[in-house]
Amino acid sequence: MEERISSARAAALIGVKTQTLAKWRCLGKGPSGWIQVSATHVTYPISEVEQFLAAREAATATPLEAGQVQR
């Protein structure tokens, strides 16, 4: 079974508030694979949070950070 983390932990790793994650869930943004365990508890697969962070980092990387040669 895949390791899951709370929305509070996911928000801390991403660097946003838990309310932002809640808004993203409504908008279909942010890490996927979340499960609402109860009315007040949501969990995310750690792998999806890591994948979201990697994609976000890649999207904001400068060409030199991404390993591309500037000409």
PDB file of N, CA and C in Angstrom:
ATOM      1  N   MET A   1       0.844  -1.190   0.000  1.00  0.00           N
ATOM      2  CA  MET A   1       0.000   0.000   0.000  1.00  0.00           C
ATOM      3  C   MET A   1       0.884   1.246   0.000  1.00  0.00           C
ATOM      4  N   GLU A   2       0.482   2.216  -0.762  1.00  0.00           N
ATOM      5  CA  GLU A   2       1.268   3.434  -0.913  1.00  0.00           C
ATOM      6  C   GLU A   2       1.168   4.309   0.339  1.00  0.00           C
ATOM      7  N   GLU A   3       2.300   4.927   0.681  1.00  0.00           N
ATOM      8  CA  GLU A   3       2.324   5.829   1.826  1.00  0.00           C
ATOM      9  C   GLU A   3       1.521   7.086   1.514  1.00  0.00           C
ATOM     10  N   ARG A   4       0.709   7.500   2.477  1.00  0.00           N
ATOM     11  CA  ARG A   4      -0.128   8.689   2.313  1.00  0.00           C
ATOM     12  C   ARG A   4       0.217   9.674   3.417  1.00  0.00           C
ATOM     13  N   ILE A   5       0.052  10.968   3.111  1.00  0.00           N
ATOM     14  CA  ILE A   5       0.310  12.000   4.099  1.00  0.00           C
ATOM     15  C   ILE A   5      -0.915  12.900   4.217  1.00  0.00           C
ATOM     16  N   SER A   6      -1.020  13.570   5.347  1.00  0.00           N
ATOM     17  CA  SER A   6      -2.153  14.463   5.575  1.00  0.00           C
ATOM     18  C   SER A   6      -2.059  15.687   4.679  1.00  0.00           C
ATOM     19  N   SER A   7      -3.181  16.366   4.522  1.00  0.00           N
ATOM     20  CA  SER A   7      -3.174  17.595   3.728  1.00  0.00           C
ATOM     21  C   SER A   7      -2.304  18.650   4.402  1.00  0.00           C
ATOM     22  N   ALA A   8      -2.227  18.646   5.719  1.00  0.00           N
ATOM     23  CA  ALA A   8      -1.370  19.608   6.422  1.00  0.00           C
ATOM     24  C   ALA A   8       0.096  19.370   6.088  1.00  0.00           C
ATOM     25  N   ARG A   9       0.501  18.103   6.050  1.00  0.00           N
ATOM     26  CA  ARG A   9       1.893  17.777   5.713  1.00  0.00           C
ATOM     27  C   ARG A   9       2.166  18.083   4.243  1.00  0.00           C
ATOM     28  N   ALA A  10       1.225  17.762   3.367  1.00  0.00           N
ATOM     29  CA  ALA A  10       1.391  18.049   1.942  1.00  0.00           C
ATOM     30  C   ALA A  10       1.527  19.557   1.719  1.00  0.00           C
ATOM     31  N   ALA A  11       0.698  20.331   2.392  1.00  0.00           N
ATOM     32  CA  ALA A  11       0.755  21.786   2.257  1.00  0.00           C
ATOM     33  C   ALA A  11       2.110  22.311   2.728  1.00  0.00           C
ATOM     34  N   ALA A  12       2.613  21.763   3.830  1.00  0.00           N
ATOM     35  CA  ALA A  12       3.911  22.193   4.350  1.00  0.00           C
ATOM     36  C   ALA A  12       5.025  21.873   3.355  1.00  0.00           C
ATOM     37  N   LEU A  13       4.990  20.698   2.747  1.00  0.00           N
ATOM     38  CA  LEU A  13       6.013  20.318   1.768  1.00  0.00           C
ATOM     39  C   LEU A  13       5.965  21.219   0.532  1.00  0.00           C
ATOM     40  N   ILE A  14       4.763  21.562   0.105  1.00  0.00           N
ATOM     41  CA  ILE A  14       4.590  22.385  -1.097  1.00  0.00           C
ATOM     42  C   ILE A  14       4.866  23.859  -0.793  1.00  0.00           C
ATOM     43  N   GLY A  15       4.607  24.247   0.455  1.00  0.00           N
ATOM     44  CA  GLY A  15       4.830  25.638   0.843  1.00  0.00           C
ATOM     45  C   GLY A  15       3.607  26.514   0.685  1.00  0.00           C
ATOM     46  N   VAL A  16       2.426  25.912   0.863  1.00  0.00           N
ATOM     47  CA  VAL A  16       1.171  26.659   0.796  1.00  0.00           C
ATOM     48  C   VAL A  16       0.354  26.349   2.045  1.00  0.00           C
ATOM     49  N   LYS A  17      -0.717  27.095   2.231  1.00  0.00           N
ATOM     50  CA  LYS A  17      -1.621  26.844   3.347  1.00  0.00           C
ATOM     51  C   LYS A  17      -2.545  25.679   3.007  1.00  0.00           C
ATOM     52  N   THR A  18      -3.057  25.013   4.032  1.00  0.00           N
ATOM     53  CA  THR A  18      -3.990  23.907   3.799  1.00  0.00           C
ATOM     54  C   THR A  18      -5.231  24.408   3.067  1.00  0.00           C
ATOM     55  N   GLN A  19      -5.621  25.645   3.307  1.00  0.00           N
ATOM     56  CA  GLN A  19      -6.783  26.213   2.618  1.00  0.00           C
ATOM     57  C   GLN A  19      -6.521  26.325   1.121  1.00  0.00           C
ATOM     58  N   THR A  20      -5.269  26.598   0.756  1.00  0.00           N
ATOM     59  CA  THR A  20      -4.916  26.657  -0.668  1.00  0.00           C
ATOM     60  C   THR A  20      -5.083  25.276  -1.299  1.00  0.00           C
ATOM     61  N   LEU A  21      -4.632  24.234  -0.604  1.00  0.00           N
ATOM     62  CA  LEU A  21      -4.822  22.870  -1.122  1.00  0.00           C
ATOM     63  C   LEU A  21      -6.303  22.555  -1.286  1.00  0.00           C
ATOM     64  N   ALA A  22      -7.117  22.969  -0.330  1.00  0.00           N
ATOM     65  CA  ALA A  22      -8.559  22.730  -0.418  1.00  0.00           C
ATOM     66  C   ALA A  22      -9.138  23.424  -1.649  1.00  0.00           C
ATOM     67  N   LYS A  23      -8.694  24.643  -1.893  1.00  0.00           N
ATOM     68  CA  LYS A  23      -9.167  25.380  -3.065  1.00  0.00           C
ATOM     69  C   LYS A  23      -8.719  24.683  -4.342  1.00  0.00           C
ATOM     70  N   TRP A  24      -7.448  24.243  -4.374  1.00  0.00           N
ATOM     71  CA  TRP A  24      -6.932  23.534  -5.543  1.00  0.00           C
ATOM     72  C   TRP A  24      -7.734  22.271  -5.823  1.00  0.00           C
ATOM     73  N   ARG A  25      -8.140  21.550  -4.756  1.00  0.00           N
ATOM     74  CA  ARG A  25      -8.942  20.330  -4.962  1.00  0.00           C
ATOM     75  C   ARG A  25     -10.240  20.671  -5.687  1.00  0.00           C
ATOM     76  N   CYS A  26     -10.871  21.771  -5.299  1.00  0.00           N
ATOM     77  CA  CYS A  26     -12.125  22.193  -5.944  1.00  0.00           C
ATOM     78  C   CYS A  26     -11.898  22.597  -7.394  1.00  0.00           C
ATOM     79  N   LEU A  27     -10.720  23.141  -7.670  1.00  0.00           N
ATOM     80  CA  LEU A  27     -10.401  23.615  -9.020  1.00  0.00           C
ATOM     81  C   LEU A  27      -9.731  22.552  -9.893  1.00  0.00           C
ATOM     82  N   GLY A  28      -9.449  21.385  -9.322  1.00  0.00           N
ATOM     83  CA  GLY A  28      -8.785  20.322 -10.079  1.00  0.00           C
ATOM     84  C   GLY A  28      -7.300  20.575 -10.268  1.00  0.00           C
ATOM     85  N   LYS A  29      -6.704  21.359  -9.378  1.00  0.00           N
ATOM     86  CA  LYS A  29      -5.277  21.666  -9.452  1.00  0.00           C
ATOM     87  C   LYS A  29      -4.548  20.949  -8.318  1.00  0.00           C
ATOM     88  N   GLY A  30      -3.228  21.092  -8.303  1.00  0.00           N
ATOM     89  CA  GLY A  30      -2.433  20.521  -7.216  1.00  0.00           C
ATOM     90  C   GLY A  30      -2.208  19.033  -7.390  1.00  0.00           C
ATOM     91  N   PRO A  31      -1.654  18.400  -6.352  1.00  0.00           N
ATOM     92  CA  PRO A  31      -1.375  16.963  -6.430  1.00  0.00           C
ATOM     93  C   PRO A  31      -2.660  16.154  -6.590  1.00  0.00           C
ATOM     94  N   SER A  32      -2.594  15.117  -7.380  1.00  0.00           N
ATOM     95  CA  SER A  32      -3.772  14.271  -7.580  1.00  0.00           C
ATOM     96  C   SER A  32      -3.736  13.089  -6.616  1.00  0.00           C
ATOM     97  N   GLY A  33      -4.773  12.290  -6.656  1.00  0.00           N
ATOM     98  CA  GLY A  33      -4.825  11.078  -5.849  1.00  0.00           C
ATOM     99  C   GLY A  33      -5.290  11.275  -4.426  1.00  0.00           C
ATOM    100  N   TRP A  34      -5.806  12.450  -4.114  1.00  0.00           N
ATOM    101  CA  TRP A  34      -6.240  12.703  -2.746  1.00  0.00           C
ATOM    102  C   TRP A  34      -7.503  11.910  -2.420  1.00  0.00           C
ATOM    103  N   ILE A  35      -7.640  11.599  -1.142  1.00  0.00           N
ATOM    104  CA  ILE A  35      -8.813  10.875  -0.653  1.00  0.00           C
ATOM    105  C   ILE A  35      -9.341  11.606   0.570  1.00  0.00           C
ATOM    106  N   GLN A  36     -10.637  11.840   0.598  1.00  0.00           N
ATOM    107  CA  GLN A  36     -11.256  12.447   1.772  1.00  0.00           C
ATOM    108  C   GLN A  36     -11.634  11.328   2.719  1.00  0.00           C
ATOM    109  N   VAL A  37     -10.860  11.199   3.798  1.00  0.00           N
ATOM    110  CA  VAL A  37     -11.037  10.127   4.771  1.00  0.00           C
ATOM    111  C   VAL A  37     -12.252  10.397   5.653  1.00  0.00           C
ATOM    112  N   SER A  38     -12.447  11.650   6.013  1.00  0.00           N
ATOM    113  CA  SER A  38     -13.610  12.070   6.795  1.00  0.00           C
ATOM    114  C   SER A  38     -13.958  13.490   6.380  1.00  0.00           C
ATOM    115  N   ALA A  39     -14.911  14.073   7.053  1.00  0.00           N
ATOM    116  CA  ALA A  39     -15.324  15.436   6.710  1.00  0.00           C
ATOM    117  C   ALA A  39     -14.203  16.450   6.896  1.00  0.00           C
ATOM    118  N   THR A  40     -13.239  16.125   7.751  1.00  0.00           N
ATOM    119  CA  THR A  40     -12.165  17.081   8.052  1.00  0.00           C
ATOM    120  C   THR A  40     -10.764  16.553   7.774  1.00  0.00           C
ATOM    121  N   HIS A  41     -10.646  15.375   7.181  1.00  0.00           N
ATOM    122  CA  HIS A  41      -9.315  14.784   6.981  1.00  0.00           C
ATOM    123  C   HIS A  41      -9.149  14.297   5.538  1.00  0.00           C
ATOM    124  N   VAL A  42      -8.127  14.855   4.860  1.00  0.00           N
ATOM    125  CA  VAL A  42      -7.806  14.492   3.479  1.00  0.00           C
ATOM    126  C   VAL A  42      -6.360  14.022   3.454  1.00  0.00           C
ATOM    127  N   THR A  43      -6.103  12.956   2.687  1.00  0.00           N
ATOM    128  CA  THR A  43      -4.731  12.470   2.543  1.00  0.00           C
ATOM    129  C   THR A  43      -4.326  12.470   1.076  1.00  0.00           C
ATOM    130  N   TYR A  44      -3.006  12.540   0.876  1.00  0.00           N
ATOM    131  CA  TYR A  44      -2.409  12.526  -0.466  1.00  0.00           C
ATOM    132  C   TYR A  44      -1.356  11.432  -0.527  1.00  0.00           C
ATOM    133  N   PRO A  45      -1.210  10.772  -1.675  1.00  0.00           N
ATOM    134  CA  PRO A  45      -0.084   9.850  -1.837  1.00  0.00           C
ATOM    135  C   PRO A  45       1.212  10.667  -1.864  1.00  0.00           C
ATOM    136  N   ILE A  46       2.198  10.264  -1.094  1.00  0.00           N
ATOM    137  CA  ILE A  46       3.462  10.990  -1.047  1.00  0.00           C
ATOM    138  C   ILE A  46       4.090  11.069  -2.439  1.00  0.00           C
ATOM    139  N   SER A  47       3.929  10.023  -3.237  1.00  0.00           N
ATOM    140  CA  SER A  47       4.514  10.028  -4.583  1.00  0.00           C
ATOM    141  C   SER A  47       3.893  11.114  -5.465  1.00  0.00           C
ATOM    142  N   GLU A  48       2.596  11.373  -5.309  1.00  0.00           N
ATOM    143  CA  GLU A  48       1.925  12.414  -6.095  1.00  0.00           C
ATOM    144  C   GLU A  48       2.389  13.805  -5.663  1.00  0.00           C
ATOM    145  N   VAL A  49       2.611  13.982  -4.365  1.00  0.00           N
ATOM    146  CA  VAL A  49       3.104  15.270  -3.867  1.00  0.00           C
ATOM    147  C   VAL A  49       4.519  15.509  -4.395  1.00  0.00           C
ATOM    148  N   GLU A  50       5.357  14.472  -4.356  1.00  0.00           N
ATOM    149  CA  GLU A  50       6.720  14.599  -4.873  1.00  0.00           C
ATOM    150  C   GLU A  50       6.719  14.884  -6.369  1.00  0.00           C
ATOM    151  N   GLN A  51       5.847  14.214  -7.103  1.00  0.00           N
ATOM    152  CA  GLN A  51       5.737  14.432  -8.550  1.00  0.00           C
ATOM    153  C   GLN A  51       5.259  15.858  -8.837  1.00  0.00           C
ATOM    154  N   PHE A  52       4.300  16.350  -8.069  1.00  0.00           N
ATOM    155  CA  PHE A  52       3.807  17.712  -8.231  1.00  0.00           C
ATOM    156  C   PHE A  52       4.934  18.714  -7.980  1.00  0.00           C
ATOM    157  N   LEU A  53       5.711  18.489  -6.931  1.00  0.00           N
ATOM    158  CA  LEU A  53       6.824  19.384  -6.617  1.00  0.00           C
ATOM    159  C   LEU A  53       7.873  19.377  -7.724  1.00  0.00           C
ATOM    160  N   ALA A  54       8.180  18.197  -8.256  1.00  0.00           N
ATOM    161  CA  ALA A  54       9.172  18.090  -9.327  1.00  0.00           C
ATOM    162  C   ALA A  54       8.694  18.816 -10.583  1.00  0.00           C
ATOM    163  N   ALA A  55       7.425  18.651 -10.924  1.00  0.00           N
ATOM    164  CA  ALA A  55       6.877  19.314 -12.111  1.00  0.00           C
ATOM    165  C   ALA A  55       6.861  20.820 -11.921  1.00  0.00           C
ATOM    166  N   ARG A  56       6.515  21.269 -10.738  1.00  0.00           N
ATOM    167  CA  ARG A  56       6.483  22.702 -10.455  1.00  0.00           C
ATOM    168  C   ARG A  56       7.885  23.298 -10.492  1.00  0.00           C
ATOM    169  N   GLU A  57       8.838  22.560  -9.970  1.00  0.00           N
ATOM    170  CA  GLU A  57      10.226  23.019 -10.000  1.00  0.00           C
ATOM    171  C   GLU A  57      10.747  23.081 -11.431  1.00  0.00           C
ATOM    172  N   ALA A  58      10.433  22.078 -12.234  1.00  0.00           N
ATOM    173  CA  ALA A  58      10.882  22.045 -13.630  1.00  0.00           C
ATOM    174  C   ALA A  58      10.265  23.196 -14.423  1.00  0.00           C
ATOM    175  N   ALA A  59       9.021  23.517 -14.121  1.00  0.00           N
ATOM    176  CA  ALA A  59       8.333  24.588 -14.847  1.00  0.00           C
ATOM    177  C   ALA A  59       8.892  25.960 -14.508  1.00  0.00           C
ATOM    178  N   THR A  60       9.465  26.110 -13.325  1.00  0.00           N
ATOM    179  CA  THR A  60       9.975  27.412 -12.913  1.00  0.00           C
ATOM    180  C   THR A  60      11.495  27.517 -13.019  1.00  0.00           C
ATOM    181  N   ALA A  61      12.151  26.444 -13.460  1.00  0.00           N
ATOM    182  CA  ALA A  61      13.613  26.452 -13.578  1.00  0.00           C
ATOM    183  C   ALA A  61      14.050  27.336 -14.739  1.00  0.00           C
ATOM    184  N   THR A  62      15.153  28.015 -14.529  1.00  0.00           N
ATOM    185  CA  THR A  62      15.729  28.792 -15.630  1.00  0.00           C
ATOM    186  C   THR A  62      16.431  27.824 -16.565  1.00  0.00           C
ATOM    187  N   PRO A  63      16.724  28.222 -17.797  1.00  0.00           N
ATOM    188  CA  PRO A  63      17.406  27.315 -18.727  1.00  0.00           C
ATOM    189  C   PRO A  63      18.712  26.752 -18.162  1.00  0.00           C
ATOM    190  N   LEU A  64      19.477  27.553 -17.443  1.00  0.00           N
ATOM    191  CA  LEU A  64      20.732  27.059 -16.880  1.00  0.00           C
ATOM    192  C   LEU A  64      20.484  26.053 -15.761  1.00  0.00           C
ATOM    193  N   GLU A  65      19.456  26.285 -14.967  1.00  0.00           N
ATOM    194  CA  GLU A  65      19.111  25.338 -13.900  1.00  0.00           C
ATOM    195  C   GLU A  65      18.636  24.027 -14.490  1.00  0.00           C
ATOM    196  N   ALA A  66      17.974  24.079 -15.609  1.00  0.00           N
ATOM    197  CA  ALA A  66      17.426  22.881 -16.246  1.00  0.00           C
ATOM    198  C   ALA A  66      18.504  22.117 -17.006  1.00  0.00           C
ATOM    199  N   GLY A  67      19.740  22.593 -16.983  1.00  0.00           N
ATOM    200  CA  GLY A  67      20.826  21.884 -17.640  1.00  0.00           C
ATOM    201  C   GLY A  67      21.010  22.250 -19.094  1.00  0.00           C
ATOM    202  N   GLN A  68      20.357  23.296 -19.551  1.00  0.00           N
ATOM    203  CA  GLN A  68      20.492  23.710 -20.943  1.00  0.00           C
ATOM    204  C   GLN A  68      21.628  24.716 -21.067  1.00  0.00           C
ATOM    205  N   VAL A  69      22.301  24.676 -22.162  1.00  0.00           N
ATOM    206  CA  VAL A  69      23.413  25.585 -22.411  1.00  0.00           C
ATOM    207  C   VAL A  69      22.868  26.860 -23.029  1.00  0.00           C
ATOM    208  N   GLN A  70      23.269  27.995 -22.454  1.00  0.00           N
ATOM    209  CA  GLN A  70      22.858  29.268 -23.004  1.00  0.00           C
ATOM    210  C   GLN A  70      23.774  29.651 -24.154  1.00  0.00           C
ATOM    211  N   ARG A  71      23.206  30.065 -25.266  1.00  0.00           N
ATOM    212  CA  ARG A  71      24.009  30.420 -26.449  1.00  0.00           C
ATOM    213  C   ARG A  71      23.834  31.862 -26.785  1.00  0.00           C
TER     214      ARG A  71
END
